[in-house]
Protein backbone atom coordinates (compact mmCIF):
# COMPACT_ATOMS: atom_id res chain seq x y z
CA MET A 1 -33.38 -5.45 -11.55
CA SER A 2 -30.64 -2.98 -13.09
CA ASP A 3 -26.84 -4.08 -12.99
CA ILE A 4 -26.34 -0.95 -10.47
CA GLN A 5 -29.63 -2.64 -8.26
CA ARG A 6 -27.53 -5.94 -8.25
CA ILE A 7 -24.07 -4.48 -7.29
CA VAL A 8 -25.48 -2.40 -4.42
CA GLU A 9 -27.33 -5.05 -2.92
CA ASN A 10 -24.17 -7.80 -3.28
CA LEU A 11 -22.32 -4.71 -1.71
CA ASP A 12 -24.27 -4.09 1.15
CA ARG A 13 -24.54 -7.65 1.79
CA ILE A 14 -20.62 -8.98 2.10
CA LEU A 15 -19.34 -5.71 2.96
CA PRO A 16 -20.82 -5.41 6.66
CA GLN A 17 -20.19 -9.09 7.39
CA PHE A 18 -16.56 -8.39 5.97
CA SER A 19 -15.91 -5.48 8.66
CA LEU A 20 -17.66 -8.26 11.17
CA ASP A 21 -15.74 -10.86 10.23
CA GLU A 22 -11.96 -8.77 10.46
CA PRO A 23 -10.38 -7.63 13.60
CA LEU A 24 -10.98 -4.44 11.45
CA PRO A 25 -11.86 -0.69 13.21
CA GLY A 26 -12.88 0.98 10.14
CA LEU A 27 -13.61 0.60 6.49
CA ALA A 28 -14.71 3.09 3.75
CA ILE A 29 -15.47 2.00 0.15
CA GLY A 30 -16.18 3.36 -3.13
CA VAL A 31 -17.40 2.25 -6.34
CA VAL A 32 -17.44 3.80 -9.91
CA TYR A 33 -19.21 2.27 -12.49
CA ASN A 34 -19.85 2.91 -16.09
CA HIS A 35 -18.61 6.42 -15.35
CA ARG A 36 -21.06 6.94 -12.13
CA MET A 37 -20.34 6.86 -8.77
CA ILE A 38 -22.73 4.30 -7.41
CA TYR A 39 -21.31 2.97 -3.84
CA ALA A 40 -19.50 5.26 -1.08
CA LYS A 41 -20.08 4.10 2.21
CA GLY A 42 -18.07 3.24 5.79
CA PHE A 43 -18.49 0.29 8.15
CA GLY A 44 -16.93 0.13 11.77
CA VAL A 45 -15.77 3.02 13.43
CA THR A 46 -13.06 5.86 13.35
CA ASP A 47 -11.40 4.83 16.90
CA ALA A 48 -11.66 1.72 18.47
CA GLU A 49 -11.96 3.48 21.53
CA ASN A 50 -14.06 5.53 21.82
CA GLY A 51 -14.97 6.58 18.01
CA GLU A 52 -17.99 7.24 16.03
CA ALA A 53 -19.10 5.46 12.93
CA VAL A 54 -16.67 5.99 9.84
CA THR A 55 -19.15 7.71 6.99
CA GLU A 56 -18.43 8.34 3.27
CA HIS A 57 -16.95 11.80 4.85
CA THR A 58 -14.39 10.41 6.78
CA LEU A 59 -10.58 11.35 5.93
CA PHE A 60 -7.89 8.43 6.13
CA HIS A 61 -4.49 9.04 5.83
CA MET A 62 -4.14 7.44 2.42
CA ALA A 63 -0.40 6.67 2.47
CA SER A 64 1.46 6.04 -0.99
CA VAL A 65 -2.21 6.21 -2.53
CA SER A 66 -0.27 9.87 -2.49
CA LYS A 67 1.86 9.23 -5.06
CA THR A 68 -0.89 8.67 -8.27
CA LEU A 69 -1.63 12.88 -7.46
CA VAL A 70 2.09 13.23 -7.05
CA ALA A 71 2.50 12.15 -10.67
CA THR A 72 -0.58 13.70 -11.90
CA GLY A 73 0.91 17.02 -10.95
CA ILE A 74 4.09 16.06 -12.73
CA MET A 75 2.71 15.48 -15.92
CA GLN A 76 0.47 18.38 -15.65
CA LEU A 77 3.98 20.34 -15.62
CA ALA A 78 5.15 18.38 -18.82
CA GLU A 79 2.35 19.70 -20.60
CA GLU A 80 2.72 23.12 -20.19
CA ARG A 81 6.54 22.37 -20.68
CA ILE A 82 7.86 23.42 -17.61
CA ILE A 83 9.59 20.51 -16.82
CA LYS A 84 10.47 17.89 -19.28
CA LEU A 85 10.03 14.21 -17.80
CA ASP A 86 13.81 13.24 -19.43
CA GLY A 87 14.82 16.55 -18.29
CA LEU A 88 18.03 16.13 -15.51
CA VAL A 89 16.54 16.22 -11.80
CA SER A 90 19.70 18.39 -10.62
CA ASP A 91 18.85 21.11 -13.23
CA TYR A 92 15.42 21.65 -11.39
CA LEU A 93 16.92 21.56 -8.13
CA PRO A 94 20.69 22.56 -8.35
CA TYR A 95 21.08 22.28 -4.05
CA PHE A 96 20.17 18.17 -4.67
CA GLN A 97 23.80 16.17 -4.45
CA MET A 98 24.41 12.80 -3.36
CA ALA A 99 27.72 11.18 -2.35
CA ASP A 100 27.57 9.21 -5.74
CA ASP A 101 28.02 10.92 -8.72
CA ARG A 102 25.74 9.08 -10.60
CA TYR A 103 23.33 10.88 -9.15
CA ARG A 104 23.90 13.67 -11.68
CA HIS A 105 22.40 11.30 -14.46
CA LEU A 106 18.85 10.99 -12.59
CA THR A 107 15.81 12.25 -14.52
CA ILE A 108 12.18 12.95 -13.72
CA ARG A 109 10.79 9.79 -15.46
CA GLN A 110 12.70 7.56 -13.40
CA LEU A 111 11.45 8.99 -10.09
CA LEU A 112 8.45 8.61 -11.40
CA SER A 113 8.95 4.55 -12.52
CA HIS A 114 11.11 3.88 -9.48
CA THR A 115 13.98 2.79 -11.78
CA SER A 116 16.55 5.85 -10.27
CA GLY A 117 18.27 3.08 -8.37
CA LEU A 118 17.50 5.47 -5.63
CA PRO A 119 17.33 3.45 -1.91
CA ASP A 120 14.02 3.76 -0.46
CA GLU A 121 13.61 5.33 3.38
CA ASN A 122 13.74 3.13 6.12
CA ASP A 123 12.91 6.12 8.89
CA PHE A 124 10.13 8.15 8.15
CA ALA A 125 10.17 10.11 11.46
CA TRP A 126 6.24 9.88 12.15
CA ASP A 127 7.28 10.11 15.88
CA ARG A 128 9.38 13.43 15.23
CA PRO A 129 7.16 14.89 12.69
CA GLU A 130 8.11 18.69 11.22
CA TYR A 131 5.33 20.99 10.33
CA ASP A 132 7.29 23.79 8.57
CA ASP A 133 7.12 25.10 4.65
CA GLY A 134 10.73 24.39 4.78
CA SER A 135 10.71 20.70 5.98
CA LEU A 136 10.23 19.15 2.26
CA GLU A 137 13.49 21.01 1.12
CA ARG A 138 15.84 20.36 3.98
CA TYR A 139 14.96 16.72 3.68
CA VAL A 140 16.24 16.77 -0.16
CA ARG A 141 19.34 18.56 0.96
CA GLY A 142 20.27 15.65 3.56
CA LEU A 143 20.12 13.41 0.35
CA LYS A 144 23.91 14.60 0.09
CA ASN A 145 25.09 11.85 2.37
CA TYR A 146 23.16 8.72 0.74
CA LYS A 147 24.66 6.61 -2.11
CA LEU A 148 22.03 4.76 -4.69
CA GLN A 149 21.87 1.11 -4.79
CA GLY A 150 21.78 0.34 -8.50
CA GLU A 151 22.69 2.28 -11.73
CA PRO A 152 20.09 4.87 -12.60
CA GLY A 153 17.19 3.19 -15.61
CA GLN A 154 18.36 -0.13 -15.28
CA ALA A 155 16.00 -1.49 -12.81
CA PHE A 156 12.80 -1.33 -10.71
CA ASP A 157 13.35 -0.63 -6.89
CA TYR A 158 10.87 1.23 -4.94
CA SER A 159 11.72 4.36 -3.52
CA ASN A 160 9.40 7.19 -1.69
CA ILE A 161 12.81 9.34 -1.25
CA GLY A 162 12.37 9.37 -5.35
CA TYR A 163 8.54 11.07 -4.59
CA GLU A 164 10.11 13.20 -1.91
CA ILE A 165 12.73 14.79 -4.64
CA LEU A 166 9.38 15.04 -6.64
CA GLY A 167 7.39 17.11 -4.44
CA ASP A 168 10.42 19.02 -4.02
CA VAL A 169 10.30 19.97 -8.00
CA ILE A 170 7.27 20.59 -7.64
CA ALA A 171 7.43 23.21 -5.55
CA LYS A 172 10.86 24.82 -6.58
CA VAL A 173 9.28 24.83 -10.34
CA THR A 174 5.98 26.69 -9.53
CA GLY A 175 7.12 28.91 -6.79
CA LEU A 176 4.46 27.33 -4.33
CA PRO A 177 4.83 24.69 -1.43
CA PHE A 178 4.08 21.68 -2.50
CA GLU A 179 0.50 21.05 -0.71
CA GLN A 180 -0.70 24.29 -2.30
CA TYR A 181 -0.04 23.20 -5.80
CA MET A 182 -1.69 20.37 -5.02
CA LYS A 183 -4.61 21.47 -3.44
CA LYS A 184 -4.85 24.53 -6.61
CA LYS A 185 -4.23 21.97 -9.33
CA VAL A 186 -5.21 18.54 -8.80
CA LEU A 187 -7.29 18.65 -5.76
CA GLU A 188 -9.78 21.32 -6.27
CA PRO A 189 -10.35 20.06 -10.58
CA ALA A 190 -10.83 16.91 -9.08
CA SER A 191 -13.41 17.95 -7.33
CA MET A 192 -11.46 16.43 -4.29
CA GLN A 193 -13.35 19.42 -2.21
CA ASN A 194 -12.44 18.23 1.41
CA SER A 195 -9.02 16.61 0.81
CA THR A 196 -5.55 17.80 1.72
CA PHE A 197 -1.90 16.68 2.02
CA LEU A 198 -1.90 18.84 5.06
CA LYS A 199 -2.43 17.63 8.28
CA GLU A 200 -3.13 20.58 10.00
CA GLU A 201 -6.05 20.78 7.11
CA ALA A 202 -7.93 17.82 7.93
CA ALA A 203 -11.26 18.38 9.85
CA ILE A 204 -9.97 16.55 12.77
CA ASP A 205 -13.73 15.45 13.38
CA THR A 206 -13.25 13.59 10.72
CA LEU A 207 -10.01 12.08 10.76
CA ALA A 208 -9.70 8.51 11.56
CA THR A 209 -7.27 7.44 14.06
CA PRO A 210 -4.72 4.89 13.17
CA HIS A 211 -4.56 1.67 14.44
CA VAL A 212 -1.95 -1.42 14.56
CA LEU A 213 -2.29 -4.72 15.51
CA GLY A 214 -2.70 -5.84 19.32
CA LEU A 215 -1.43 -8.98 21.65
CA GLN A 216 -2.32 -7.71 25.13
CA ASP A 217 -6.23 -8.42 25.05
CA GLY A 218 -6.22 -10.86 22.42
CA TYR A 219 -5.45 -10.24 18.85
CA GLY A 220 -7.06 -7.08 17.44
CA ALA A 221 -7.20 -3.08 16.94
CA GLN A 222 -4.64 -0.94 18.87
CA VAL A 223 -4.99 2.93 19.07
CA SER A 224 -1.33 3.64 17.58
CA ARG A 225 0.90 5.98 19.53
CA ILE A 226 2.40 7.29 16.11
CA PHE A 227 0.07 9.32 13.72
CA PRO A 228 1.84 9.07 10.33
CA TYR A 229 2.55 12.73 9.55
CA HIS A 230 5.43 14.41 8.10
CA ARG A 231 5.74 17.12 5.99
CA ALA A 232 8.57 15.94 4.64
CA HIS A 233 7.07 12.53 3.09
CA ALA A 234 3.76 14.79 1.76
CA PRO A 235 4.45 13.77 -2.25
CA SER A 236 4.76 10.09 -0.99
CA SER A 237 2.47 9.99 1.69
CA THR A 238 0.22 12.32 3.25
CA LEU A 239 -2.90 12.67 1.24
CA TYR A 240 -6.15 12.89 3.83
CA SER A 241 -9.31 12.31 1.64
CA ASN A 242 -12.37 10.41 1.84
CA ALA A 243 -14.45 7.54 -0.31
CA LEU A 244 -16.45 10.68 -2.05
CA ASP A 245 -13.35 12.67 -2.75
CA MET A 246 -11.65 9.14 -3.98
CA CYS A 247 -14.74 8.89 -6.08
CA ASN A 248 -14.51 11.90 -7.91
CA TYR A 249 -10.71 11.96 -8.08
CA ALA A 250 -11.24 8.16 -9.67
CA LEU A 251 -14.02 9.79 -11.99
CA THR A 252 -11.60 12.08 -13.11
CA HIS A 253 -8.72 10.06 -14.59
CA LEU A 254 -11.51 8.06 -16.12
CA SER A 255 -12.90 10.96 -18.09
CA GLY A 256 -9.93 12.40 -18.83
CA SER A 257 -8.55 9.31 -20.76
CA ARG A 258 -10.46 9.02 -23.00
CA MET A 259 -9.80 10.15 -26.71
CA ARG A 260 -11.79 13.52 -26.27
CA ARG A 261 -10.66 15.92 -23.73
CA GLU A 262 -13.58 16.18 -21.43
CA ALA A 263 -14.90 19.58 -19.21
CA ASN A 264 -13.18 17.90 -16.22
CA ALA A 265 -10.10 16.66 -17.56
CA ILE A 266 -7.18 17.90 -15.84
CA LEU A 267 -4.60 15.54 -18.25
CA GLU A 268 -4.85 15.52 -21.41
CA ALA A 269 -5.50 12.44 -23.02
CA ASN A 270 -1.72 11.94 -24.74
CA SER A 271 -1.04 12.14 -21.06
CA TYR A 272 -1.88 9.39 -20.28
CA SER A 273 -1.03 6.99 -23.15
CA GLU A 274 2.88 8.16 -21.36
CA MET A 275 2.07 7.71 -17.74
CA TRP A 276 0.25 4.55 -17.95
CA GLN A 277 2.94 2.83 -20.65
CA ILE A 278 4.88 0.35 -19.08
CA GLU A 279 8.26 1.52 -17.40
CA ALA A 280 9.28 -1.59 -15.50
CA SER A 281 8.42 -5.11 -14.26
CA THR A 282 8.15 -6.01 -10.46
CA GLU A 283 7.23 -8.53 -8.07
CA TYR A 284 4.26 -6.30 -6.91
CA GLY A 285 2.44 -8.97 -6.80
CA ASP A 286 -1.41 -9.93 -7.42
CA GLY A 287 -1.07 -9.90 -11.09
CA LEU A 288 -0.94 -5.98 -10.48
CA ASP A 289 3.20 -6.21 -11.28
CA LYS A 290 4.32 -3.63 -14.16
CA MET A 291 5.24 -0.02 -13.61
CA GLY A 292 4.39 2.88 -15.50
CA LEU A 293 4.97 6.64 -14.53
CA GLY A 294 3.54 6.54 -11.02
CA TRP A 295 1.17 3.89 -11.30
CA PHE A 296 1.20 0.35 -11.32
CA MET A 297 -0.77 -1.61 -14.15
CA GLY A 298 -1.96 -5.37 -14.74
CA GLN A 299 -5.21 -6.74 -15.56
CA TYR A 300 -7.94 -8.55 -13.17
CA ARG A 301 -9.59 -11.16 -15.37
CA GLY A 302 -8.89 -9.68 -18.67
CA ARG A 303 -9.13 -6.27 -18.11
CA ARG A 304 -6.76 -3.39 -17.75
CA VAL A 305 -6.23 -2.24 -14.17
CA MET A 306 -4.00 0.90 -13.03
CA SER A 307 -3.55 1.18 -9.27
CA HIS A 308 -1.77 1.61 -6.38
CA MET A 309 -2.24 0.35 -2.69
CA GLY A 310 -0.97 2.61 0.61
CA ARG A 311 0.57 1.44 3.72
CA ASP A 312 1.80 3.48 6.65
CA THR A 313 1.25 3.01 10.34
CA GLY A 314 -2.08 2.39 11.56
CA PHE A 315 -3.48 2.79 7.55
CA ARG A 316 -3.97 0.86 4.33
CA SER A 317 -5.92 1.48 1.54
CA HIS A 318 -6.10 0.82 -2.47
CA PHE A 319 -7.46 2.39 -5.50
CA MET A 320 -7.55 0.68 -8.20
CA LEU A 321 -8.78 1.97 -12.10
CA LEU A 322 -10.43 0.11 -15.03
CA PRO A 323 -10.19 2.89 -17.46
CA ASP A 324 -11.70 0.71 -20.50
CA GLU A 325 -14.58 0.03 -18.45
CA GLY A 326 -15.45 2.87 -16.64
CA MET A 327 -14.83 1.67 -13.38
CA ALA A 328 -13.09 1.97 -10.09
CA VAL A 329 -12.47 0.30 -6.66
CA LEU A 330 -10.85 2.44 -4.06
CA PHE A 331 -10.79 1.11 -0.19
CA MET A 332 -9.49 2.65 3.09
CA MET A 333 -8.82 1.24 6.41
CA ASN A 334 -7.39 2.68 9.99
CA ALA A 335 -5.41 -0.51 10.59
CA ASP A 336 -2.51 -1.78 8.73
CA TYR A 337 -2.14 -5.58 8.80
CA ILE A 338 -5.01 -6.07 7.00
CA GLY A 339 -4.41 -7.26 3.41
CA GLY A 340 -6.60 -5.91 0.52
CA LYS A 341 -6.47 -8.60 -2.20
CA VAL A 342 -9.61 -10.29 -0.44
CA LEU A 343 -11.58 -7.14 -0.44
CA TYR A 344 -10.80 -5.88 -3.64
CA SER A 345 -11.14 -9.32 -5.50
CA ALA A 346 -14.75 -9.48 -4.21
CA ILE A 347 -15.72 -6.02 -5.28
CA LEU A 348 -14.19 -5.96 -8.66
CA ASP A 349 -16.17 -9.59 -9.24
CA VAL A 350 -19.76 -8.03 -8.38
CA LEU A 351 -19.10 -5.33 -10.64
CA LEU A 352 -17.63 -7.77 -13.26
CA GLY A 353 -21.03 -9.79 -13.13
CA ASP A 354 -20.68 -12.46 -10.24
CA ASP A 355 -23.05 -13.04 -6.99
CA VAL A 356 -20.24 -12.85 -4.30
CA PRO A 357 -21.45 -15.10 -1.03
CA TYR A 358 -19.24 -13.38 0.72
CA VAL A 359 -15.48 -11.96 0.93
CA ARG A 360 -13.25 -14.46 1.51
CA ARG A 361 -11.48 -14.53 5.20
CA SER A 362 -7.76 -14.16 5.25
CA LEU A 363 -6.64 -17.59 7.10
CA ALA A 364 -3.59 -16.11 8.51
CA HIS A 365 -5.19 -13.74 10.44
CA HIS A 366 -7.92 -16.30 11.48
CA LEU A 367 -5.11 -19.04 12.86
CA SER A 368 -3.27 -16.10 14.13
CA GLN A 369 -6.23 -15.29 17.00
CA VAL A 370 -7.22 -18.84 17.38
CA THR A 371 -3.62 -18.93 18.56
CA MET A 372 -3.73 -16.02 20.71
CA VAL A 373 -6.91 -16.44 22.24
CA SER A 374 -7.07 -20.43 22.26
CA GLY A 375 -3.15 -21.43 22.21
CA VAL A 376 -1.45 -23.29 19.25
CA ASP A 377 -2.52 -26.76 19.21
CA ALA A 378 -6.49 -24.59 19.05
CA ALA A 379 -5.48 -23.09 16.12
CA VAL A 380 -4.11 -26.62 14.21
CA ARG A 381 -7.12 -27.80 15.49
CA GLU A 382 -9.30 -24.90 13.87
CA TYR A 383 -7.35 -25.25 10.62
CA ASN A 384 -8.01 -29.19 9.82
CA GLU A 385 -11.42 -28.21 10.24
CA ILE A 386 -11.39 -25.48 7.93
CA LEU A 387 -10.00 -27.98 5.50
CA GLU A 388 -12.91 -30.96 5.73
CA SER A 389 -15.99 -28.15 6.06
CA CYS A 390 -15.31 -24.75 4.27
CA PRO A 391 -11.98 -24.48 2.63
CA GLU A 392 -13.35 -21.76 -0.17
CA ARG A 393 -14.59 -19.14 2.70
CA PHE A 394 -10.76 -18.52 3.29
CA LEU A 395 -8.10 -17.07 1.01
CA VAL A 396 -4.64 -18.82 2.32
CA LEU A 397 -1.43 -16.60 1.41
CA GLU A 398 1.84 -17.23 2.69
CA GLY A 399 2.91 -13.56 3.43
CA GLU A 400 0.25 -12.96 5.61
CA PHE A 401 1.58 -16.14 7.58
CA ASN A 402 5.00 -14.90 7.88
CA ALA A 403 3.75 -11.24 8.60
CA GLY A 404 1.28 -12.73 11.55
CA ALA A 405 4.26 -14.90 13.03
CA TYR A 406 6.63 -11.57 12.84
CA THR A 407 3.37 -9.66 14.86
CA LEU A 408 3.30 -12.41 16.91
CA MET A 409 7.27 -12.28 17.61
CA ARG A 410 7.42 -8.32 18.28
CA GLY A 411 4.83 -8.88 20.69
CA GLY A 412 6.15 -11.10 22.70
CA TRP A 413 5.14 -13.93 21.59
CA LEU A 414 8.15 -15.51 20.34
CA GLN A 415 6.86 -19.40 20.92
CA GLU A 416 3.73 -18.58 19.49
CA GLY A 417 5.43 -17.21 16.44
CA ILE A 418 7.16 -20.18 15.86
CA ARG A 419 4.26 -22.32 16.43
CA LEU A 420 1.96 -20.60 13.79
CA LEU A 421 5.04 -20.98 10.95
CA GLU A 422 5.08 -24.47 11.94
CA LEU A 423 1.61 -24.73 10.51
CA SER A 424 2.89 -22.57 7.91
CA ALA A 425 5.38 -25.20 6.30
CA GLN A 426 2.42 -27.37 6.08
CA ILE A 427 0.54 -25.44 4.50
CA PHE A 428 3.58 -23.71 2.29
CA PRO A 429 6.00 -27.29 2.12
CA GLU A 430 8.22 -25.59 -0.86
CA SER A 431 8.48 -21.91 0.81
CA SER A 432 11.70 -21.39 0.98
CA ASN A 433 10.88 -18.21 2.87
CA ILE A 434 8.90 -19.78 5.86
CA HIS A 435 11.96 -22.07 7.22
CA ASP A 436 14.13 -19.09 6.96
CA SER A 437 11.72 -17.69 8.90
CA LEU A 438 12.20 -20.35 10.84
CA GLY A 439 15.56 -20.20 11.20
CA GLU A 440 15.94 -16.88 12.36
CA MET A 441 13.22 -17.48 14.92
CA TYR A 442 14.55 -20.24 16.42
CA LEU A 443 18.01 -18.77 16.17
CA LEU A 444 16.37 -16.13 18.46
CA ALA A 445 14.93 -18.69 20.78
CA GLY A 446 18.13 -20.15 21.55
CA GLU A 447 17.47 -23.65 19.27
CA ARG A 448 20.65 -23.85 17.25
CA GLU A 449 19.88 -27.13 16.15
CA LEU A 450 16.46 -26.10 14.80
CA ALA A 451 17.79 -22.85 13.34
CA LEU A 452 20.43 -24.45 10.96
CA LYS A 453 17.94 -27.38 10.31
CA HIS A 454 15.43 -24.69 8.43
CA TYR A 455 18.37 -22.60 6.97
CA GLN A 456 19.21 -25.36 5.20
CA LYS A 457 15.90 -26.58 4.28
CA SER A 458 15.44 -22.92 3.23
CA VAL A 459 18.12 -23.25 1.03
CA GLU A 460 17.71 -26.53 -0.27
CA LEU A 461 14.51 -25.23 -1.46
CA ASP A 462 16.43 -21.97 -2.99
CA PRO A 463 20.12 -22.87 -3.84
CA GLU A 464 20.51 -19.16 -4.40
CA HIS A 465 19.02 -18.03 -1.38
CA GLY A 466 22.67 -15.84 -0.23
CA GLU A 467 21.40 -14.81 3.42
CA GLY A 468 20.44 -18.15 3.79
CA ILE A 469 23.66 -19.90 2.61
CA CYS A 470 25.60 -17.82 4.72
CA MET A 471 23.50 -18.20 8.31
CA VAL A 472 24.14 -22.37 7.25
CA ASN A 473 27.86 -21.66 6.74
CA GLU A 474 28.01 -19.23 9.94
CA LEU A 475 25.99 -21.66 12.01
CA LEU A 476 27.80 -24.75 11.18
CA GLN A 477 31.11 -22.98 11.85
CA SER A 478 30.33 -22.23 15.28
CA LYS A 479 29.05 -25.95 15.94
């Protein structure tokens, strides 16, 4: 059996089961192996209420994976000497101002690497979308009342705002609307013929519907009343693409990053050296925690990985390149609450030679589902049974337990959220964050003594937890 046959058989065995095991409406997967697209398939449905089957042609909102294309566009303009990576943003956008004189020192490189000191956007206005050509410039002009939250160039701090500014730079130095430049210079040269940054150009009959976690009828996918689109956020978020196009995008970068320039390359080889050079570090997680220019970098089982994940209301995505191996893995989901680590780890393991028996399930999602359907006591019993019989089938991530508890809380199930966190505290006894969350939820429930107990435990586990210290002092003073 050839390597490709083995890989395809493994993926065909584990991916349909993953799609059924998780409360997930739809999923699309793309895989490149040895510089060849070998897998592009869909699973599940485009809409949980009345959708069609997801295929390799189904378009998904790619969220922050969009940023890698913006970085590509910026590198093209740097090659052409239209911009300088260390040039000042204000030189390209004379109307760009902030209520903080330090903005004058912001560079293109700092925006690309999230070291600008800019805050992040906390309201994407998905419920108030704009569609006109002037949206992006209006947004950048509207930053005049913002202040930096850190010194430019000093530390990593993820900022979607920085990428909206970069998109406006692309528009102004080229004289083209951002989306038009990206289509002409990035999407079309990369053979992404069905992809677009403009929602109006996305074929409506192939566009997946966003889903959030619903709690009214158990635990599962619920169609989102909000579709995440706003033209001001096109650079940071609104690429619409499918598995086939994203594989072509991967092949373009894998080809171009070789020492010799290939015919379909959209960047010169030395641009990759600069784009994939470590600029800053961050606790981004999963071992892929070094920042380049628009890409997160790290290693998986000793292999270099360049990646970016995406998550917006109703959608989640992940894009990974292993340039030294000529491999790429990508997935897109029309749900925002399923973690991606279990999925991409399993696929990468298959590519690297393993016969993977299954994609491990998220223990947090599984126990949250049991909690909603049968109650917390049943979830505790289920957890104990899993420990005895099949712990290897589940991935145990603290962050997913915490996120699941807050999902329950926001859905009106505060006591269930608390009980899930109490179970989480047994699983992660050294977690300051779990106890901090318990403090917050007990306080919301009016249980001030229990809130104080858990805030104190949170500070005991992390003596530098400033917010926890403030809450302990506040609760003690009010006794």
